[in-house]
Amino acid sequence: MAADVDIRRIETDELQSLIEAQNEIFSDYLIPIRSSPEFFLEFLRSVGGSMSNILVATDGGKMVGYVNPVIYGGEAWIGGVGVVPTHRGRGIAKKLMVAAEDACRDKGVDEVSLEVIVGNDRAYRLYKSLGYSETIVYLTAEGRPIKFEGFQLSPKKASTADVLSLHERSYAHTCWQRRKLPAIVQSARASESYKVDGGFVVVRRIETNGFIPFLGVVPEKRRTGIGTSLAKFALSRLYDLGVFKVTVYNVNEDVQTMRMLDKFDFAVTLKQIEMKKTL
């Protein structure tokens, strides 16, 4: 039973134990994930998280679960929760989530967000039982770079300050971690950023894979072709960089976005449901 398991804050020297637990937890996930200390710390930086907020479940001294609440002012986001296969069905995940909510409440948080992959029915039922409600669906999609001859607009290199200003106006109503400043700052440092009047795009190459981490248009400039022009530019730039596959993450499942994905022959590979709870 969950009563046999201890829930506590992670110790400063337990990063490797956390990674080992994560790799066991996500070995049979819908999308298997293999972590490392470097990968996890990079992820934490990108979402503005802190090791000091992580809670772990231990059984006989062995780490068997964890939850990672990321706190940003009066809001929080659950940046990962899981239990090793041998300990599932014992209520440990629920105990971790309740402990995370209590910790968030103690720090002045009044709203918690999370995402659950469509098809992860066990997690979805858990969150519903805890009082989380669906808000919006986000998509991940993949396609190939395309060389376009013209973009209608001529994007120019953007500074971090340029990107932050446009990001704040463009991402007010998207998923939690993408609208927070740590995500765009961390992404922009390792990427190329470009701007036009009323919009921006960030492109990144990792080996032969290309990514469009952010593409935004301010509300008053939407439906004017800026988004399509920025997408053409980004796909052309990634083509020039020699990538073979392009991925876009956590874009809204709305008519305008679906039309753009279809226009560039991108296939949806993942759907996530955002859920929220008021504490």
Protein backbone atom coordinates (compact mmCIF):
# COMPACT_ATOMS: atom_id res chain seq x y z
CA MET A 1 0.00 0.00 0.00
CA ALA A 2 1.00 3.65 -0.41
CA ALA A 3 1.19 3.90 3.38
CA ASP A 4 4.37 1.82 3.23
CA VAL A 5 6.07 4.42 1.01
CA ASP A 6 7.78 7.57 2.25
CA ILE A 7 7.22 10.85 0.37
CA ARG A 8 9.95 13.45 0.88
CA ARG A 9 12.01 16.10 -0.85
CA ILE A 10 14.91 14.87 -2.92
CA GLU A 11 18.38 15.18 -1.41
CA THR A 12 21.07 17.17 -3.21
CA ASP A 13 23.16 14.07 -3.92
CA GLU A 14 20.30 11.94 -5.30
CA LEU A 15 20.28 13.10 -8.93
CA GLN A 16 21.67 9.80 -10.24
CA SER A 17 19.10 7.82 -8.26
CA LEU A 18 16.37 10.02 -9.73
CA ILE A 19 17.61 9.38 -13.27
CA GLU A 20 17.71 5.63 -12.66
CA ALA A 21 14.14 5.76 -11.33
CA GLN A 22 13.00 7.85 -14.31
CA ASN A 23 14.51 5.42 -16.81
CA GLU A 24 12.68 2.56 -15.09
CA ILE A 25 9.43 4.56 -14.91
CA PHE A 26 9.40 5.60 -18.57
CA SER A 27 10.75 2.37 -20.08
CA ASP A 28 7.19 1.26 -20.91
CA TYR A 29 5.71 4.73 -21.45
CA LEU A 30 3.67 5.52 -24.56
CA ILE A 31 6.81 7.28 -25.78
CA PRO A 32 9.80 5.57 -24.11
CA ILE A 33 12.16 8.16 -22.63
CA ARG A 34 15.80 7.66 -21.71
CA SER A 35 17.18 10.34 -19.42
CA SER A 36 20.61 11.33 -18.12
CA PRO A 37 21.76 13.85 -15.50
CA GLU A 38 22.71 16.32 -18.25
CA PHE A 39 19.42 15.89 -20.11
CA PHE A 40 17.32 16.31 -16.99
CA LEU A 41 19.18 19.39 -15.74
CA GLU A 42 18.84 20.97 -19.19
CA PHE A 43 15.10 20.26 -19.06
CA LEU A 44 14.83 21.81 -15.59
CA ARG A 45 16.59 24.97 -16.76
CA SER A 46 14.35 25.22 -19.82
CA VAL A 47 11.16 25.26 -17.75
CA GLY A 48 12.45 27.28 -14.81
CA GLY A 49 12.36 24.32 -12.46
CA SER A 50 14.40 23.53 -9.36
CA MET A 51 15.76 20.32 -7.87
CA SER A 52 14.68 21.63 -4.46
CA ASN A 53 11.00 21.30 -5.42
CA ILE A 54 11.18 17.65 -6.51
CA LEU A 55 9.48 15.10 -4.28
CA VAL A 56 10.34 11.40 -4.33
CA ALA A 57 8.71 8.22 -3.10
CA THR A 58 11.00 5.68 -1.46
CA ASP A 59 10.34 2.13 -0.33
CA GLY A 60 12.98 0.50 1.84
CA GLY A 61 15.49 3.16 0.76
CA LYS A 62 14.86 2.61 -2.97
CA MET A 63 13.46 5.49 -5.05
CA VAL A 64 10.25 4.20 -6.64
CA GLY A 65 8.54 7.39 -7.82
CA TYR A 66 8.84 11.14 -8.17
CA VAL A 67 6.94 14.30 -8.98
CA ASN A 68 8.44 17.53 -10.31
CA PRO A 69 6.33 20.63 -9.54
CA VAL A 70 7.66 23.70 -11.33
CA ILE A 71 6.59 26.88 -9.52
CA TYR A 72 6.32 30.28 -11.16
CA GLY A 73 4.71 32.92 -8.96
CA GLY A 74 1.10 31.93 -8.28
CA GLU A 75 1.12 29.18 -10.88
CA ALA A 76 2.68 25.73 -11.00
CA TRP A 77 3.13 23.04 -13.62
CA ILE A 78 3.72 19.35 -13.03
CA GLY A 79 6.83 18.70 -15.08
CA GLY A 80 6.79 14.94 -14.62
CA VAL A 81 5.32 12.32 -12.31
CA GLY A 82 5.69 8.56 -12.31
CA VAL A 83 6.05 5.32 -10.40
CA VAL A 84 8.23 2.32 -11.26
CA PRO A 85 6.25 -0.61 -12.75
CA THR A 86 6.70 -2.88 -9.70
CA HIS A 87 4.97 -0.35 -7.44
CA ARG A 88 2.04 0.76 -9.59
CA GLY A 89 -1.53 0.23 -8.46
CA ARG A 90 -0.71 1.05 -4.84
CA GLY A 91 -1.83 4.70 -4.82
CA ILE A 92 1.71 6.10 -4.84
CA ALA A 93 1.16 8.45 -7.80
CA LYS A 94 -1.88 9.94 -6.08
CA LYS A 95 0.10 10.38 -2.87
CA LEU A 96 2.88 12.13 -4.81
CA MET A 97 0.42 14.46 -6.54
CA VAL A 98 -1.30 15.39 -3.27
CA ALA A 99 2.09 16.11 -1.68
CA ALA A 100 3.07 18.24 -4.68
CA GLU A 101 -0.16 20.24 -4.45
CA ASP A 102 0.40 20.79 -0.73
CA ALA A 103 3.94 22.02 -1.42
CA CYS A 104 2.66 24.36 -4.13
CA ARG A 105 -0.07 25.69 -1.88
CA ASP A 106 2.50 26.41 0.83
CA LYS A 107 4.40 28.58 -1.68
CA GLY A 108 1.36 30.64 -2.61
CA VAL A 109 0.33 28.76 -5.75
CA ASP A 110 -3.38 28.88 -6.55
CA GLU A 111 -3.47 27.06 -9.93
CA VAL A 112 -1.69 23.90 -11.12
CA SER A 113 -1.39 22.78 -14.75
CA LEU A 114 -0.22 19.55 -16.35
CA GLU A 115 -0.44 17.67 -19.63
CA VAL A 116 -1.39 14.06 -20.27
CA ILE A 117 -0.80 12.21 -23.53
CA VAL A 118 -3.98 11.12 -25.28
CA GLY A 119 -4.11 7.36 -24.71
CA ASN A 120 -2.53 7.45 -21.24
CA ASP A 121 -5.84 6.51 -19.66
CA ARG A 122 -4.47 5.58 -16.23
CA ALA A 123 -2.89 9.01 -15.74
CA TYR A 124 -5.97 10.76 -17.13
CA ARG A 125 -8.24 8.97 -14.64
CA LEU A 126 -5.89 9.88 -11.79
CA TYR A 127 -5.91 13.57 -12.66
CA LYS A 128 -9.68 13.62 -13.07
CA SER A 129 -10.08 11.96 -9.67
CA LEU A 130 -7.93 14.71 -8.16
CA GLY A 131 -10.14 17.44 -9.62
CA TYR A 132 -8.22 18.45 -12.75
CA SER A 133 -10.29 19.67 -15.72
CA GLU A 134 -9.46 19.66 -19.43
CA THR A 135 -8.66 23.04 -20.96
CA ILE A 136 -7.14 22.54 -24.42
CA VAL A 137 -5.44 19.98 -26.67
CA TYR A 138 -1.88 20.46 -27.97
CA LEU A 139 -0.20 18.72 -30.88
CA THR A 140 3.27 17.61 -31.84
CA ALA A 141 3.84 17.17 -35.57
CA GLU A 142 6.66 16.09 -37.87
CA GLY A 143 7.50 16.82 -41.48
CA ARG A 144 10.38 17.48 -43.83
CA PRO A 145 12.22 20.71 -44.59
CA ILE A 146 11.20 22.44 -47.79
CA LYS A 147 13.14 24.94 -49.91
CA PHE A 148 10.97 27.93 -50.78
CA GLU A 149 12.06 30.69 -53.14
CA GLY A 150 10.12 33.44 -51.45
CA PHE A 151 8.54 34.10 -48.05
CA GLN A 152 6.49 37.27 -48.81
CA LEU A 153 8.32 38.82 -45.84
CA SER A 154 12.04 39.13 -45.11
CA PRO A 155 12.80 37.98 -41.55
CA LYS A 156 15.82 39.54 -39.86
CA LYS A 157 18.00 38.20 -37.06
CA ALA A 158 16.36 38.81 -33.69
CA SER A 159 18.00 39.54 -30.36
CA THR A 160 16.90 37.81 -27.17
CA ALA A 161 15.16 41.04 -26.15
CA ASP A 162 13.26 41.10 -29.46
CA VAL A 163 12.18 37.51 -29.02
CA LEU A 164 11.08 37.99 -25.41
CA SER A 165 8.89 40.95 -26.31
CA LEU A 166 7.19 39.17 -29.22
CA HIS A 167 6.92 35.92 -27.25
CA GLU A 168 5.10 37.56 -24.36
CA ARG A 169 2.45 38.94 -26.72
CA SER A 170 2.17 35.86 -28.94
CA TYR A 171 2.14 33.06 -26.34
CA ALA A 172 -0.29 34.35 -23.75
CA HIS A 173 -2.79 31.55 -24.46
CA THR A 174 -0.63 28.53 -25.11
CA CYS A 175 0.57 25.70 -22.87
CA TRP A 176 2.12 26.57 -19.53
CA GLN A 177 5.79 25.79 -20.10
CA ARG A 178 5.89 27.43 -23.55
CA ARG A 179 4.49 30.72 -22.35
CA LYS A 180 6.98 31.06 -19.50
CA LEU A 181 10.16 33.06 -20.02
CA PRO A 182 12.67 30.31 -19.04
CA ALA A 183 11.54 28.19 -22.01
CA ILE A 184 12.12 30.86 -24.64
CA VAL A 185 15.37 32.11 -23.06
CA GLN A 186 16.87 28.62 -22.92
CA SER A 187 15.69 27.78 -26.43
CA ALA A 188 16.89 31.02 -27.99
CA ARG A 189 20.41 30.57 -26.60
CA ALA A 190 20.89 27.34 -28.55
CA SER A 191 18.98 28.34 -31.69
CA GLU A 192 18.64 30.91 -34.45
CA SER A 193 15.99 33.57 -33.89
CA TYR A 194 14.35 35.74 -36.55
CA LYS A 195 11.70 38.44 -36.53
CA VAL A 196 9.33 40.39 -38.77
CA ASP A 197 6.90 43.14 -37.88
CA GLY A 198 4.47 41.37 -35.57
CA GLY A 199 6.03 37.92 -35.45
CA PHE A 200 9.06 35.76 -34.77
CA VAL A 201 10.39 32.25 -35.30
CA VAL A 202 13.08 30.17 -33.62
CA VAL A 203 14.82 27.35 -35.51
CA ARG A 204 17.22 24.77 -34.13
CA ARG A 205 19.33 21.97 -35.55
CA ILE A 206 20.51 18.99 -33.50
CA GLU A 207 22.56 16.71 -35.73
CA THR A 208 20.24 15.84 -38.64
CA ASN A 209 17.02 16.80 -36.82
CA GLY A 210 15.42 20.19 -37.12
CA PHE A 211 13.06 21.89 -34.69
CA ILE A 212 10.81 24.92 -34.72
CA PRO A 213 10.53 25.45 -30.95
CA PHE A 214 8.63 28.74 -31.28
CA LEU A 215 6.71 30.49 -34.03
CA GLY A 216 4.54 33.35 -32.87
CA VAL A 217 2.41 36.14 -34.26
CA VAL A 218 0.98 38.90 -32.07
CA PRO A 219 -2.84 38.86 -31.88
CA GLU A 220 -3.44 41.99 -33.94
CA LYS A 221 -1.34 40.63 -36.84
CA ARG A 222 -2.88 37.17 -37.08
CA ARG A 223 -4.66 35.95 -40.22
CA THR A 224 -2.50 38.24 -42.37
CA GLY A 225 -0.15 35.58 -43.72
CA ILE A 226 2.68 36.29 -41.30
CA GLY A 227 2.55 32.84 -39.73
CA THR A 228 2.70 31.10 -43.11
CA SER A 229 5.59 33.28 -44.24
CA LEU A 230 7.54 32.56 -41.05
CA ALA A 231 6.88 28.83 -41.46
CA LYS A 232 8.18 28.93 -45.06
CA PHE A 233 11.27 30.77 -43.91
CA ALA A 234 11.90 28.32 -41.05
CA LEU A 235 11.51 25.25 -43.26
CA SER A 236 13.81 26.76 -45.88
CA ARG A 237 16.40 27.67 -43.27
CA LEU A 238 16.35 24.13 -41.85
CA TYR A 239 16.66 22.75 -45.39
CA ASP A 240 19.79 24.87 -45.84
CA LEU A 241 21.12 23.55 -42.52
CA GLY A 242 20.89 20.01 -43.90
CA VAL A 243 18.29 18.44 -41.63
CA PHE A 244 16.09 15.52 -42.70
CA LYS A 245 13.18 15.82 -40.27
CA VAL A 246 11.48 18.81 -38.67
CA THR A 247 9.44 18.69 -35.46
CA VAL A 248 7.11 21.27 -33.97
CA TYR A 249 5.98 20.84 -30.37
CA ASN A 250 2.85 21.73 -28.40
CA VAL A 251 0.99 23.77 -30.99
CA ASN A 252 -2.67 24.55 -30.48
CA GLU A 253 -5.20 22.20 -32.06
CA ASP A 254 -7.15 24.93 -33.84
CA VAL A 255 -8.38 25.35 -37.41
CA GLN A 256 -5.64 27.79 -38.40
CA THR A 257 -2.83 25.56 -37.10
CA MET A 258 -4.28 22.40 -38.65
CA ARG A 259 -4.49 24.15 -42.02
CA MET A 260 -0.86 25.19 -41.76
CA LEU A 261 0.28 21.69 -40.83
CA ASP A 262 -1.68 20.27 -43.75
CA LYS A 263 -0.27 22.90 -46.10
CA PHE A 264 3.29 21.81 -45.31
CA ASP A 265 2.43 18.08 -45.19
CA PHE A 266 3.17 17.69 -41.48
CA ALA A 267 1.74 14.65 -39.70
CA VAL A 268 0.47 14.83 -36.13
CA THR A 269 2.48 12.37 -34.03
CA LEU A 270 1.22 13.18 -30.54
CA LYS A 271 -1.72 14.81 -28.81
CA GLN A 272 -1.64 16.09 -25.24
CA ILE A 273 -4.52 17.29 -23.10
CA GLU A 274 -3.78 20.22 -20.83
CA MET A 275 -5.57 19.97 -17.49
CA LYS A 276 -5.81 22.52 -14.69
CA LYS A 277 -6.87 22.64 -11.07
CA THR A 278 -7.50 25.55 -8.71
CA LEU A 279 -6.02 24.85 -5.28
